[in-house]
């Protein structure tokens, strides 16, 4: 009986880790690799973000709608298609330009 309970708890733990949502995966610090200039992004769980280019930081807000990231900064709102894993964040804009970030 105890073995069944332990096995059931283990299976539940594994299943809960498999369903990581894009919202939980995006949270954290990211950096573009192989960019001509240093570009960073930090997404927080409260829907705020900080973007950095050449040491200059811009505060932003964001929200995820399925596979779309909508973010607003300095009075402008942009949308990108998003693919996110535990280690990689890929953003593609409406002109089909893609930026790939790696988790820092």
N, C-alpha and C. Protein backbone atom coordinates (compact mmCIF):
# COMPACT_ATOMS: atom_id res chain seq x y z
N UNK A 1 0.83 -1.19 0.00
CA UNK A 1 0.00 0.00 0.00
C UNK A 1 0.87 1.26 0.00
N UNK A 2 1.89 1.29 0.87
CA UNK A 2 2.76 2.46 0.93
C UNK A 2 3.48 2.67 -0.39
N UNK A 3 3.87 1.57 -1.03
CA UNK A 3 4.56 1.66 -2.30
C UNK A 3 3.67 2.31 -3.36
N UNK A 4 2.39 1.96 -3.37
CA UNK A 4 1.45 2.55 -4.33
C UNK A 4 1.31 4.05 -4.12
N UNK A 5 1.27 4.48 -2.88
CA UNK A 5 1.16 5.91 -2.57
C UNK A 5 2.42 6.64 -3.03
N UNK A 6 3.58 6.07 -2.77
CA UNK A 6 4.84 6.69 -3.18
C UNK A 6 4.92 6.78 -4.70
N UNK A 7 4.55 5.71 -5.40
CA UNK A 7 4.58 5.70 -6.85
C UNK A 7 3.59 6.74 -7.41
N UNK A 8 2.40 6.82 -6.83
CA UNK A 8 1.40 7.80 -7.28
C UNK A 8 1.90 9.23 -7.10
N UNK A 9 2.52 9.51 -5.95
CA UNK A 9 3.06 10.84 -5.71
C UNK A 9 4.19 11.17 -6.68
N UNK A 10 5.02 10.21 -6.97
CA UNK A 10 6.12 10.40 -7.92
C UNK A 10 5.58 10.71 -9.31
N UNK A 11 4.58 9.98 -9.76
CA UNK A 11 3.98 10.21 -11.08
C UNK A 11 3.35 11.60 -11.14
N UNK A 12 2.64 12.02 -10.09
CA UNK A 12 2.06 13.36 -10.06
C UNK A 12 3.13 14.44 -10.13
N UNK A 13 4.23 14.23 -9.44
CA UNK A 13 5.33 15.18 -9.47
C UNK A 13 5.91 15.30 -10.88
N UNK A 14 6.10 14.18 -11.55
CA UNK A 14 6.61 14.20 -12.92
C UNK A 14 5.65 14.89 -13.87
N UNK A 15 4.37 14.60 -13.76
CA UNK A 15 3.38 15.21 -14.64
C UNK A 15 3.27 16.71 -14.42
N UNK A 16 3.39 17.17 -13.19
CA UNK A 16 3.29 18.60 -12.93
C UNK A 16 4.47 19.35 -13.54
N UNK A 17 5.63 18.74 -13.63
CA UNK A 17 6.80 19.36 -14.25
C UNK A 17 6.73 19.37 -15.76
N UNK A 18 5.97 18.48 -16.36
CA UNK A 18 5.89 18.39 -17.81
C UNK A 18 5.03 19.49 -18.42
N UNK A 19 4.15 20.07 -17.65
CA UNK A 19 3.22 21.03 -18.19
C UNK A 19 3.62 22.47 -17.97
N UNK A 20 4.91 22.79 -17.99
CA UNK A 20 5.34 24.16 -17.78
C UNK A 20 4.74 25.05 -18.86
N UNK A 21 4.07 26.09 -18.42
CA UNK A 21 3.42 27.00 -19.36
C UNK A 21 4.42 28.02 -19.88
N UNK A 22 4.14 28.61 -21.05
CA UNK A 22 5.01 29.68 -21.54
C UNK A 22 5.16 30.81 -20.52
N UNK A 23 4.08 31.11 -19.80
CA UNK A 23 4.13 32.18 -18.80
C UNK A 23 5.16 31.89 -17.72
N UNK A 24 5.25 30.67 -17.27
CA UNK A 24 6.24 30.35 -16.24
C UNK A 24 7.63 30.19 -16.83
N UNK A 25 7.72 29.72 -18.08
CA UNK A 25 9.02 29.54 -18.71
C UNK A 25 9.70 30.86 -19.08
N UNK A 26 8.93 31.88 -19.41
CA UNK A 26 9.52 33.14 -19.86
C UNK A 26 10.15 33.92 -18.71
N UNK A 27 9.70 33.69 -17.49
CA UNK A 27 10.20 34.45 -16.34
C UNK A 27 11.68 34.17 -16.14
N UNK A 28 12.47 35.24 -16.05
CA UNK A 28 13.89 35.11 -15.81
C UNK A 28 14.70 36.07 -16.66
N UNK A 29 16.02 35.86 -16.65
CA UNK A 29 16.95 36.73 -17.38
C UNK A 29 17.41 36.02 -18.64
N UNK A 30 17.45 36.78 -19.75
CA UNK A 30 17.79 36.25 -21.06
C UNK A 30 18.82 37.16 -21.73
N UNK A 31 19.64 36.57 -22.60
CA UNK A 31 20.63 37.35 -23.34
C UNK A 31 20.75 36.81 -24.76
N UNK A 32 20.82 37.72 -25.74
CA UNK A 32 20.99 37.32 -27.13
C UNK A 32 22.43 36.87 -27.32
N UNK A 33 22.61 35.71 -27.89
CA UNK A 33 23.94 35.21 -28.19
C UNK A 33 24.36 35.66 -29.58
N UNK A 34 25.64 35.91 -29.75
CA UNK A 34 26.21 36.26 -31.06
C UNK A 34 25.62 37.51 -31.66
N UNK A 35 25.17 38.43 -30.83
CA UNK A 35 24.65 39.71 -31.33
C UNK A 35 25.81 40.70 -31.45
N UNK A 36 25.73 41.61 -32.40
CA UNK A 36 26.80 42.61 -32.52
C UNK A 36 26.87 43.56 -31.32
N UNK A 37 25.75 43.70 -30.61
CA UNK A 37 25.71 44.50 -29.39
C UNK A 37 25.03 43.67 -28.30
N UNK A 38 25.33 43.97 -27.05
CA UNK A 38 24.74 43.22 -25.95
C UNK A 38 23.26 43.57 -25.82
N UNK A 39 22.42 42.54 -25.89
CA UNK A 39 20.97 42.70 -25.75
C UNK A 39 20.48 41.72 -24.69
N UNK A 40 19.75 42.24 -23.71
CA UNK A 40 19.23 41.41 -22.63
C UNK A 40 17.75 41.67 -22.42
N UNK A 41 17.10 40.75 -21.77
CA UNK A 41 15.70 40.90 -21.38
C UNK A 41 15.50 40.18 -20.07
N UNK A 42 14.72 40.80 -19.20
CA UNK A 42 14.34 40.15 -17.95
C UNK A 42 12.83 40.25 -17.82
N UNK A 43 12.17 39.09 -17.76
CA UNK A 43 10.73 39.03 -17.61
C UNK A 43 10.41 38.62 -16.18
N UNK A 44 9.49 39.35 -15.56
CA UNK A 44 9.07 39.05 -14.18
C UNK A 44 7.67 38.46 -14.21
N UNK A 45 7.33 37.73 -13.17
CA UNK A 45 6.03 37.06 -13.12
C UNK A 45 4.86 38.02 -12.99
N UNK A 46 5.12 39.28 -12.62
CA UNK A 46 4.03 40.25 -12.46
C UNK A 46 3.68 40.97 -13.76
N UNK A 47 4.26 40.54 -14.90
CA UNK A 47 3.95 41.15 -16.18
C UNK A 47 4.82 42.35 -16.53
N UNK A 48 5.86 42.61 -15.74
CA UNK A 48 6.79 43.67 -16.07
C UNK A 48 8.06 43.06 -16.64
N UNK A 49 8.79 43.88 -17.39
CA UNK A 49 10.03 43.42 -18.01
C UNK A 49 11.02 44.57 -18.07
N UNK A 50 12.28 44.20 -18.26
CA UNK A 50 13.34 45.18 -18.43
C UNK A 50 14.17 44.73 -19.62
N UNK A 51 14.31 45.61 -20.60
CA UNK A 51 15.09 45.30 -21.79
C UNK A 51 16.35 46.12 -21.76
N UNK A 52 17.46 45.52 -22.16
CA UNK A 52 18.73 46.22 -22.16
C UNK A 52 19.42 46.12 -23.50
N UNK A 53 19.88 47.27 -24.00
CA UNK A 53 20.65 47.33 -25.24
C UNK A 53 21.79 48.31 -25.00
N UNK A 54 23.02 47.84 -25.19
CA UNK A 54 24.21 48.68 -25.00
C UNK A 54 24.25 49.32 -23.61
N UNK A 55 23.81 48.57 -22.61
CA UNK A 55 23.84 49.07 -21.24
C UNK A 55 22.69 49.99 -20.88
N UNK A 56 21.86 50.38 -21.83
CA UNK A 56 20.69 51.21 -21.56
C UNK A 56 19.50 50.30 -21.25
N UNK A 57 18.78 50.59 -20.17
CA UNK A 57 17.67 49.75 -19.77
C UNK A 57 16.35 50.47 -19.97
N UNK A 58 15.36 49.74 -20.47
CA UNK A 58 14.03 50.26 -20.71
C UNK A 58 13.04 49.38 -19.96
N UNK A 59 12.14 50.01 -19.21
CA UNK A 59 11.10 49.28 -18.49
C UNK A 59 9.94 49.00 -19.45
N UNK A 60 9.32 47.85 -19.31
CA UNK A 60 8.23 47.46 -20.20
C UNK A 60 7.22 46.63 -19.44
N UNK A 61 6.09 46.40 -20.06
CA UNK A 61 5.10 45.44 -19.57
C UNK A 61 4.87 44.44 -20.69
N UNK A 62 4.41 43.26 -20.33
CA UNK A 62 4.17 42.23 -21.34
C UNK A 62 3.01 41.35 -20.92
N UNK A 63 2.44 40.67 -21.92
CA UNK A 63 1.47 39.61 -21.65
C UNK A 63 1.56 38.59 -22.77
N UNK A 64 1.28 37.37 -22.42
CA UNK A 64 1.30 36.27 -23.39
C UNK A 64 -0.13 35.88 -23.72
N UNK A 65 -0.38 35.73 -25.01
CA UNK A 65 -1.67 35.25 -25.51
C UNK A 65 -1.37 34.07 -26.42
N UNK A 66 -1.38 32.87 -25.85
CA UNK A 66 -1.04 31.68 -26.63
C UNK A 66 0.42 31.74 -27.05
N UNK A 67 0.65 31.75 -28.37
CA UNK A 67 2.03 31.80 -28.87
C UNK A 67 2.43 33.23 -29.28
N UNK A 68 1.74 34.22 -28.72
CA UNK A 68 2.04 35.61 -29.05
C UNK A 68 2.43 36.39 -27.81
N UNK A 69 3.52 37.13 -27.92
CA UNK A 69 3.99 38.01 -26.85
C UNK A 69 3.66 39.44 -27.26
N UNK A 70 2.91 40.11 -26.39
CA UNK A 70 2.60 41.53 -26.61
C UNK A 70 3.31 42.31 -25.53
N UNK A 71 4.17 43.26 -25.95
CA UNK A 71 4.84 44.06 -24.95
C UNK A 71 4.77 45.53 -25.28
N UNK A 72 4.75 46.31 -24.22
CA UNK A 72 4.63 47.76 -24.36
C UNK A 72 5.79 48.42 -23.65
N UNK A 73 6.39 49.42 -24.35
CA UNK A 73 7.47 50.19 -23.75
C UNK A 73 7.50 51.56 -24.41
N UNK A 74 7.75 52.56 -23.63
CA UNK A 74 7.83 53.94 -24.13
C UNK A 74 6.62 54.31 -24.99
N UNK A 75 5.43 53.86 -24.59
CA UNK A 75 4.22 54.22 -25.30
C UNK A 75 3.95 53.44 -26.57
N UNK A 76 4.80 52.49 -26.92
CA UNK A 76 4.60 51.68 -28.12
C UNK A 76 4.32 50.23 -27.72
N UNK A 77 3.43 49.59 -28.46
CA UNK A 77 3.12 48.18 -28.23
C UNK A 77 3.49 47.39 -29.47
N UNK A 78 4.20 46.29 -29.27
CA UNK A 78 4.58 45.41 -30.37
C UNK A 78 4.16 43.99 -30.04
N UNK A 79 4.01 43.18 -31.07
CA UNK A 79 3.65 41.78 -30.91
C UNK A 79 4.66 40.92 -31.65
N UNK A 80 4.99 39.78 -31.04
CA UNK A 80 5.90 38.81 -31.64
C UNK A 80 5.37 37.41 -31.39
N UNK A 81 5.66 36.52 -32.32
CA UNK A 81 5.39 35.10 -32.07
C UNK A 81 6.48 34.62 -31.13
N UNK A 82 6.12 33.73 -30.22
CA UNK A 82 7.07 33.28 -29.21
C UNK A 82 7.15 31.77 -29.19
N UNK A 83 8.38 31.29 -29.02
CA UNK A 83 8.66 29.89 -28.71
C UNK A 83 9.59 29.94 -27.52
N UNK A 84 9.22 29.29 -26.44
CA UNK A 84 10.05 29.35 -25.23
C UNK A 84 10.21 27.96 -24.63
N UNK A 85 11.45 27.66 -24.26
CA UNK A 85 11.76 26.44 -23.52
C UNK A 85 12.48 26.86 -22.25
N UNK A 86 12.95 25.93 -21.49
CA UNK A 86 13.66 26.24 -20.25
C UNK A 86 14.96 26.99 -20.52
N UNK A 87 15.53 26.86 -21.70
CA UNK A 87 16.84 27.47 -21.97
C UNK A 87 16.86 28.44 -23.15
N UNK A 88 15.80 28.47 -23.96
CA UNK A 88 15.81 29.30 -25.16
C UNK A 88 14.49 30.05 -25.34
N UNK A 89 14.61 31.30 -25.74
CA UNK A 89 13.45 32.15 -26.03
C UNK A 89 13.62 32.68 -27.45
N UNK A 90 12.66 32.37 -28.31
CA UNK A 90 12.72 32.77 -29.71
C UNK A 90 11.55 33.70 -30.00
N UNK A 91 11.85 34.93 -30.46
CA UNK A 91 10.83 35.92 -30.79
C UNK A 91 10.91 36.23 -32.27
N UNK A 92 9.77 36.16 -32.95
CA UNK A 92 9.70 36.47 -34.38
C UNK A 92 8.68 37.57 -34.59
N UNK A 93 9.11 38.68 -35.22
CA UNK A 93 8.21 39.81 -35.42
C UNK A 93 7.40 39.63 -36.70
N UNK A 94 6.54 40.62 -37.01
CA UNK A 94 5.65 40.51 -38.17
C UNK A 94 6.40 40.54 -39.49
N UNK A 95 7.65 41.03 -39.49
CA UNK A 95 8.48 41.02 -40.70
C UNK A 95 9.29 39.73 -40.80
N UNK A 96 9.00 38.77 -39.93
CA UNK A 96 9.65 37.44 -39.90
C UNK A 96 11.12 37.51 -39.52
N UNK A 97 11.51 38.53 -38.75
CA UNK A 97 12.85 38.60 -38.18
C UNK A 97 12.82 37.91 -36.83
N UNK A 98 13.79 37.06 -36.59
CA UNK A 98 13.83 36.27 -35.36
C UNK A 98 15.04 36.62 -34.52
N UNK A 99 14.78 36.78 -33.22
CA UNK A 99 15.85 36.98 -32.25
C UNK A 99 15.80 35.79 -31.29
N UNK A 100 16.95 35.18 -31.05
CA UNK A 100 17.01 34.04 -30.13
C UNK A 100 17.79 34.44 -28.89
N UNK A 101 17.13 34.30 -27.75
CA UNK A 101 17.75 34.58 -26.45
C UNK A 101 18.09 33.25 -25.78
N UNK A 102 19.13 33.26 -24.98
CA UNK A 102 19.49 32.12 -24.13
C UNK A 102 19.33 32.55 -22.68
N UNK A 103 18.87 31.62 -21.85
CA UNK A 103 18.73 31.94 -20.43
C UNK A 103 20.09 32.20 -19.82
N UNK A 104 20.15 33.24 -18.98
CA UNK A 104 21.41 33.57 -18.31
C UNK A 104 21.48 32.93 -16.96
